[in-house]
Amino acid sequence: TTALVTPLVLLTIAAMLGVQYLPADPVARLREGFGRLGPVLQGAALALCLLLITTLGAQGVSPFIYFRF
């Protein structure tokens, strides 16, 4: 295998192939399901999303890309 074929790349390809089999409007169904949750579960779900964003996001301030041109 080459250095370009990593487990993360294979997982991403598999996930994108799986997305093709989702229903036609998954966002609306997700919104409706989220609306049926109670306020405590909604808050927990949003807190989990924020935790994932801060954990997986870039550390520090990203450089301004136009300074590189």
Protein backbone atom coordinates (compact mmCIF):
# COMPACT_ATOMS: atom_id res chain seq x y z
CA THR A 1 0.00 0.00 0.00
CA THR A 2 1.08 3.54 -0.57
CA ALA A 3 1.24 6.33 1.99
CA LEU A 4 -1.91 7.87 0.48
CA VAL A 5 -4.11 4.89 1.40
CA THR A 6 -4.62 5.21 5.14
CA PRO A 7 -7.35 3.78 7.36
CA LEU A 8 -8.87 7.27 7.64
CA VAL A 9 -9.10 7.58 3.85
CA LEU A 10 -10.73 4.15 3.58
CA LEU A 11 -13.18 5.02 6.38
CA THR A 12 -14.07 8.30 4.66
CA ILE A 13 -14.69 6.55 1.35
CA ALA A 14 -16.87 3.94 3.05
CA ALA A 15 -18.82 6.64 4.89
CA MET A 16 -19.44 8.59 1.69
CA LEU A 17 -20.64 5.44 -0.06
CA GLY A 18 -23.00 4.83 2.88
CA VAL A 19 -24.38 8.38 2.62
CA GLN A 20 -25.67 7.47 -0.84
CA TYR A 21 -28.17 5.08 0.78
CA LEU A 22 -29.67 7.65 3.18
CA PRO A 23 -33.25 8.84 2.62
CA ALA A 24 -33.84 11.73 0.23
CA ASP A 25 -34.25 14.36 2.97
CA PRO A 26 -32.30 13.24 6.06
CA VAL A 27 -31.92 16.80 7.38
CA ALA A 28 -35.68 17.24 7.78
CA ARG A 29 -36.01 13.87 9.49
CA LEU A 30 -33.11 14.72 11.81
CA ARG A 31 -34.70 18.09 12.65
CA GLU A 32 -38.04 16.44 13.43
CA GLY A 33 -36.38 13.81 15.61
CA PHE A 34 -34.41 16.45 17.48
CA GLY A 35 -37.61 18.43 18.03
CA ARG A 36 -39.27 15.41 19.66
CA LEU A 37 -36.51 15.19 22.30
CA GLY A 38 -37.01 16.81 25.66
CA PRO A 39 -35.15 20.00 26.58
CA VAL A 40 -32.60 18.14 28.72
CA LEU A 41 -31.71 15.71 25.92
CA GLN A 42 -31.57 18.57 23.40
CA GLY A 43 -29.14 20.42 25.67
CA ALA A 44 -27.03 17.28 26.10
CA ALA A 45 -26.94 16.70 22.34
CA LEU A 46 -25.89 20.29 21.68
CA ALA A 47 -23.25 20.08 24.42
CA LEU A 48 -21.90 16.91 22.81
CA CYS A 49 -21.72 18.68 19.44
CA LEU A 50 -19.80 21.58 20.98
CA LEU A 51 -17.44 19.15 22.71
CA LEU A 52 -16.75 17.39 19.41
CA ILE A 53 -16.15 20.69 17.62
CA THR A 54 -13.69 21.94 20.24
CA THR A 55 -11.96 18.57 20.49
CA LEU A 56 -11.59 17.90 16.77
CA GLY A 57 -11.13 21.53 15.66
CA ALA A 58 -7.86 23.30 15.04
CA GLN A 59 -5.86 24.44 18.05
CA GLY A 60 -5.22 28.17 18.23
CA VAL A 61 -5.95 30.76 15.59
CA SER A 62 -5.59 29.69 11.98
CA PRO A 63 -3.38 31.92 9.82
CA PHE A 64 -5.06 34.33 7.44
CA ILE A 65 -4.75 32.57 4.08
CA TYR A 66 -4.39 35.71 1.93
CA PHE A 67 -1.01 36.53 3.49
CA ARG A 68 0.44 33.55 1.62
CA PHE A 69 -0.24 34.89 -1.88
